[in-house]
Amino acid sequence: MYRTKVTRKGQITIPKAIREDLRILVGDTVVVRRGAGKIIVEEPKKDIMELFGKWKWFDSEMENKIKSVWKGWDAKSMLRHKHDS
């Protein structure tokens, strides 16, 4: 268990061990919700679409090619097929 203070602006620091465990990086978005008298901070969900624009060599033509490949891709069915082999 960790203790953290709330600042005047209502901010808290997520302890380093928890950030590392959940792979929360600088600039990531986390989900904060209230539940059963607790504040719950959930790890960010990584999405391939978040990567667009992160690399200098990544232009709109490359983005369109990748989007066309990923369009309709179903992660659950891909995992199912992988385990069936």
N, C-alpha and C. Protein backbone atom coordinates (compact mmCIF):
# COMPACT_ATOMS: atom_id res chain seq x y z
N MET A 1 0.86 -1.18 0.00
CA MET A 1 0.00 0.00 0.00
C MET A 1 0.90 1.23 0.00
N TYR A 2 0.48 2.23 -0.74
CA TYR A 2 1.21 3.50 -0.83
C TYR A 2 0.31 4.63 -0.37
N ARG A 3 0.92 5.66 0.15
CA ARG A 3 0.20 6.88 0.52
C ARG A 3 0.68 8.00 -0.37
N THR A 4 -0.25 8.84 -0.81
CA THR A 4 0.10 9.99 -1.63
C THR A 4 -0.80 11.15 -1.23
N LYS A 5 -0.29 12.35 -1.33
CA LYS A 5 -1.06 13.55 -0.95
C LYS A 5 -1.75 14.13 -2.16
N VAL A 6 -2.87 14.77 -1.91
CA VAL A 6 -3.59 15.49 -2.95
C VAL A 6 -3.10 16.94 -2.93
N THR A 7 -2.70 17.45 -4.10
CA THR A 7 -2.22 18.84 -4.18
C THR A 7 -3.40 19.81 -4.21
N ARG A 8 -3.09 21.09 -4.16
CA ARG A 8 -4.14 22.12 -4.25
C ARG A 8 -4.96 22.00 -5.52
N LYS A 9 -4.32 21.51 -6.56
CA LYS A 9 -5.01 21.37 -7.85
C LYS A 9 -5.75 20.04 -7.96
N GLY A 10 -5.76 19.25 -6.88
CA GLY A 10 -6.46 17.98 -6.90
C GLY A 10 -5.66 16.86 -7.55
N GLN A 11 -4.36 17.05 -7.70
CA GLN A 11 -3.53 16.05 -8.35
C GLN A 11 -2.90 15.11 -7.32
N ILE A 12 -2.63 13.88 -7.76
CA ILE A 12 -1.90 12.93 -6.93
C ILE A 12 -0.78 12.34 -7.77
N THR A 13 0.19 11.75 -7.10
CA THR A 13 1.28 11.07 -7.79
C THR A 13 1.04 9.57 -7.69
N ILE A 14 1.09 8.90 -8.83
CA ILE A 14 0.99 7.45 -8.83
C ILE A 14 2.39 6.92 -8.53
N PRO A 15 2.55 6.15 -7.48
CA PRO A 15 3.89 5.66 -7.11
C PRO A 15 4.58 4.94 -8.27
N LYS A 16 5.90 5.11 -8.35
CA LYS A 16 6.70 4.57 -9.43
C LYS A 16 6.50 3.06 -9.61
N ALA A 17 6.48 2.32 -8.52
CA ALA A 17 6.33 0.86 -8.61
C ALA A 17 5.01 0.48 -9.31
N ILE A 18 3.96 1.22 -9.02
CA ILE A 18 2.66 0.95 -9.66
C ILE A 18 2.69 1.35 -11.13
N ARG A 19 3.28 2.53 -11.42
CA ARG A 19 3.39 2.97 -12.83
C ARG A 19 4.17 1.94 -13.65
N GLU A 20 5.25 1.45 -13.09
CA GLU A 20 6.06 0.46 -13.81
C GLU A 20 5.30 -0.85 -13.99
N ASP A 21 4.63 -1.29 -12.94
CA ASP A 21 3.88 -2.54 -13.00
C ASP A 21 2.77 -2.48 -14.05
N LEU A 22 2.10 -1.34 -14.13
CA LEU A 22 0.99 -1.17 -15.09
C LEU A 22 1.46 -0.61 -16.43
N ARG A 23 2.76 -0.35 -16.55
CA ARG A 23 3.35 0.21 -17.77
C ARG A 23 2.72 1.56 -18.14
N ILE A 24 2.52 2.39 -17.14
CA ILE A 24 1.98 3.74 -17.37
C ILE A 24 3.16 4.65 -17.67
N LEU A 25 3.15 5.27 -18.85
CA LEU A 25 4.24 6.12 -19.29
C LEU A 25 3.82 7.59 -19.26
N VAL A 26 4.81 8.48 -19.29
CA VAL A 26 4.55 9.91 -19.34
C VAL A 26 3.66 10.20 -20.55
N GLY A 27 2.60 10.93 -20.34
CA GLY A 27 1.68 11.28 -21.43
C GLY A 27 0.55 10.30 -21.64
N ASP A 28 0.61 9.13 -20.98
CA ASP A 28 -0.47 8.17 -21.10
C ASP A 28 -1.74 8.70 -20.45
N THR A 29 -2.86 8.21 -20.91
CA THR A 29 -4.15 8.53 -20.31
C THR A 29 -4.57 7.33 -19.47
N VAL A 30 -5.03 7.59 -18.27
CA VAL A 30 -5.56 6.53 -17.42
C VAL A 30 -7.03 6.81 -17.16
N VAL A 31 -7.74 5.78 -16.76
CA VAL A 31 -9.16 5.92 -16.44
C VAL A 31 -9.27 6.02 -14.92
N VAL A 32 -9.95 7.06 -14.45
CA VAL A 32 -10.18 7.26 -13.02
C VAL A 32 -11.68 7.19 -12.79
N ARG A 33 -12.07 6.31 -11.87
CA ARG A 33 -13.51 6.21 -11.57
C ARG A 33 -13.71 5.97 -10.08
N ARG A 34 -14.92 6.17 -9.66
CA ARG A 34 -15.28 5.97 -8.27
C ARG A 34 -16.02 4.65 -8.14
N GLY A 35 -15.70 3.89 -7.10
CA GLY A 35 -16.40 2.63 -6.90
C GLY A 35 -16.31 2.17 -5.46
N ALA A 36 -17.44 1.94 -4.85
CA ALA A 36 -17.53 1.41 -3.48
C ALA A 36 -16.67 2.21 -2.50
N GLY A 37 -16.78 3.52 -2.54
CA GLY A 37 -16.03 4.37 -1.61
C GLY A 37 -14.55 4.45 -1.90
N LYS A 38 -14.13 4.07 -3.11
CA LYS A 38 -12.73 4.08 -3.49
C LYS A 38 -12.55 4.85 -4.79
N ILE A 39 -11.35 5.33 -4.98
CA ILE A 39 -10.96 5.90 -6.26
C ILE A 39 -10.18 4.82 -6.99
N ILE A 40 -10.59 4.49 -8.19
CA ILE A 40 -9.94 3.43 -8.95
C ILE A 40 -9.25 4.05 -10.16
N VAL A 41 -7.96 3.79 -10.27
CA VAL A 41 -7.18 4.24 -11.41
C VAL A 41 -6.83 3.01 -12.21
N GLU A 42 -7.28 2.97 -13.46
CA GLU A 42 -7.04 1.80 -14.30
C GLU A 42 -5.92 2.07 -15.30
N GLU A 43 -5.21 1.03 -15.62
CA GLU A 43 -4.11 1.16 -16.56
C GLU A 43 -4.62 1.58 -17.93
N PRO A 44 -3.76 2.27 -18.68
CA PRO A 44 -4.18 2.70 -20.02
C PRO A 44 -4.30 1.51 -20.96
N LYS A 45 -5.23 1.60 -21.86
CA LYS A 45 -5.38 0.58 -22.89
C LYS A 45 -4.62 1.07 -24.11
N LYS A 46 -3.66 0.29 -24.55
CA LYS A 46 -2.85 0.67 -25.71
C LYS A 46 -3.61 0.32 -26.98
N ASP A 47 -3.59 1.22 -27.93
CA ASP A 47 -4.28 1.05 -29.19
C ASP A 47 -3.31 1.42 -30.31
N ILE A 48 -3.27 0.63 -31.34
CA ILE A 48 -2.38 0.89 -32.47
C ILE A 48 -2.61 2.30 -33.04
N MET A 49 -3.83 2.79 -32.96
CA MET A 49 -4.14 4.10 -33.51
C MET A 49 -3.43 5.23 -32.76
N GLU A 50 -3.03 4.99 -31.49
CA GLU A 50 -2.30 6.00 -30.73
C GLU A 50 -0.90 6.23 -31.28
N LEU A 51 -0.39 5.28 -32.06
CA LEU A 51 0.97 5.38 -32.56
C LEU A 51 1.11 6.35 -33.74
N PHE A 52 0.01 6.61 -34.44
CA PHE A 52 0.11 7.48 -35.60
C PHE A 52 0.62 8.85 -35.19
N GLY A 53 1.60 9.35 -35.93
CA GLY A 53 2.17 10.66 -35.66
C GLY A 53 3.29 10.64 -34.65
N LYS A 54 3.63 9.49 -34.08
CA LYS A 54 4.68 9.41 -33.07
C LYS A 54 6.08 9.40 -33.70
N TRP A 55 6.18 8.95 -34.96
CA TRP A 55 7.48 8.87 -35.62
C TRP A 55 7.55 9.87 -36.75
N LYS A 56 8.72 10.48 -36.93
CA LYS A 56 8.90 11.50 -37.96
C LYS A 56 8.70 10.94 -39.37
N TRP A 57 9.12 9.68 -39.61
CA TRP A 57 9.02 9.10 -40.94
C TRP A 57 7.61 8.65 -41.28
N PHE A 58 6.73 8.74 -40.33
CA PHE A 58 5.37 8.24 -40.48
C PHE A 58 4.51 9.31 -41.12
N ASP A 59 4.23 9.19 -42.41
CA ASP A 59 3.43 10.20 -43.10
C ASP A 59 2.00 9.69 -43.35
N SER A 60 1.17 10.53 -43.94
CA SER A 60 -0.24 10.17 -44.13
C SER A 60 -0.40 8.98 -45.08
N GLU A 61 0.50 8.84 -46.05
CA GLU A 61 0.43 7.69 -46.95
C GLU A 61 0.65 6.39 -46.17
N MET A 62 1.67 6.38 -45.30
CA MET A 62 1.95 5.21 -44.47
C MET A 62 0.77 4.95 -43.53
N GLU A 63 0.22 6.01 -42.96
CA GLU A 63 -0.93 5.86 -42.06
C GLU A 63 -2.10 5.20 -42.78
N ASN A 64 -2.39 5.63 -43.99
CA ASN A 64 -3.50 5.06 -44.76
C ASN A 64 -3.26 3.59 -45.09
N LYS A 65 -2.01 3.24 -45.41
CA LYS A 65 -1.69 1.84 -45.70
C LYS A 65 -1.93 0.97 -44.46
N ILE A 66 -1.46 1.44 -43.32
CA ILE A 66 -1.61 0.67 -42.08
C ILE A 66 -3.08 0.57 -41.69
N LYS A 67 -3.81 1.66 -41.82
CA LYS A 67 -5.24 1.63 -41.49
C LYS A 67 -5.97 0.62 -42.36
N SER A 68 -5.60 0.53 -43.64
CA SER A 68 -6.28 -0.42 -44.52
C SER A 68 -5.97 -1.86 -44.12
N VAL A 69 -4.76 -2.10 -43.64
CA VAL A 69 -4.40 -3.45 -43.18
C VAL A 69 -5.14 -3.79 -41.90
N TRP A 70 -5.22 -2.83 -40.99
CA TRP A 70 -5.85 -3.08 -39.68
C TRP A 70 -7.37 -3.06 -39.74
N LYS A 71 -7.92 -2.47 -40.80
CA LYS A 71 -9.38 -2.37 -40.89
C LYS A 71 -10.00 -3.76 -40.88
N GLY A 72 -10.88 -3.98 -39.96
CA GLY A 72 -11.55 -5.27 -39.90
C GLY A 72 -10.78 -6.34 -39.15
N TRP A 73 -9.56 -6.03 -38.71
CA TRP A 73 -8.77 -7.02 -37.96
C TRP A 73 -9.42 -7.26 -36.61
N ASP A 74 -9.64 -8.49 -36.29
CA ASP A 74 -10.31 -8.87 -35.05
C ASP A 74 -9.32 -9.62 -34.16
N ALA A 75 -8.83 -8.95 -33.12
CA ALA A 75 -7.81 -9.53 -32.25
C ALA A 75 -8.28 -10.83 -31.61
N LYS A 76 -9.52 -10.89 -31.20
CA LYS A 76 -10.02 -12.09 -30.53
C LYS A 76 -10.01 -13.29 -31.47
N SER A 77 -10.44 -13.09 -32.71
CA SER A 77 -10.44 -14.23 -33.64
C SER A 77 -9.02 -14.63 -34.00
N MET A 78 -8.11 -13.66 -34.09
CA MET A 78 -6.71 -13.99 -34.39
C MET A 78 -6.12 -14.82 -33.26
N LEU A 79 -6.41 -14.48 -32.03
CA LEU A 79 -5.90 -15.25 -30.89
C LEU A 79 -6.51 -16.63 -30.88
N ARG A 80 -7.79 -16.75 -31.21
CA ARG A 80 -8.45 -18.03 -31.26
C ARG A 80 -7.78 -18.95 -32.28
N HIS A 81 -7.48 -18.39 -33.48
CA HIS A 81 -6.83 -19.17 -34.52
C HIS A 81 -5.43 -19.59 -34.11
N LYS A 82 -4.74 -18.72 -33.42
CA LYS A 82 -3.38 -19.01 -32.98
C LYS A 82 -3.38 -20.21 -32.02
N HIS A 83 -4.35 -20.24 -31.10
CA HIS A 83 -4.41 -21.31 -30.12
C HIS A 83 -4.95 -22.61 -30.70
N ASP A 84 -5.69 -22.51 -31.81
CA ASP A 84 -6.23 -23.70 -32.45
C ASP A 84 -5.15 -24.48 -33.21
N SER A 85 -4.07 -23.80 -33.57
CA SER A 85 -3.02 -24.45 -34.37
C SER A 85 -2.21 -25.43 -33.57
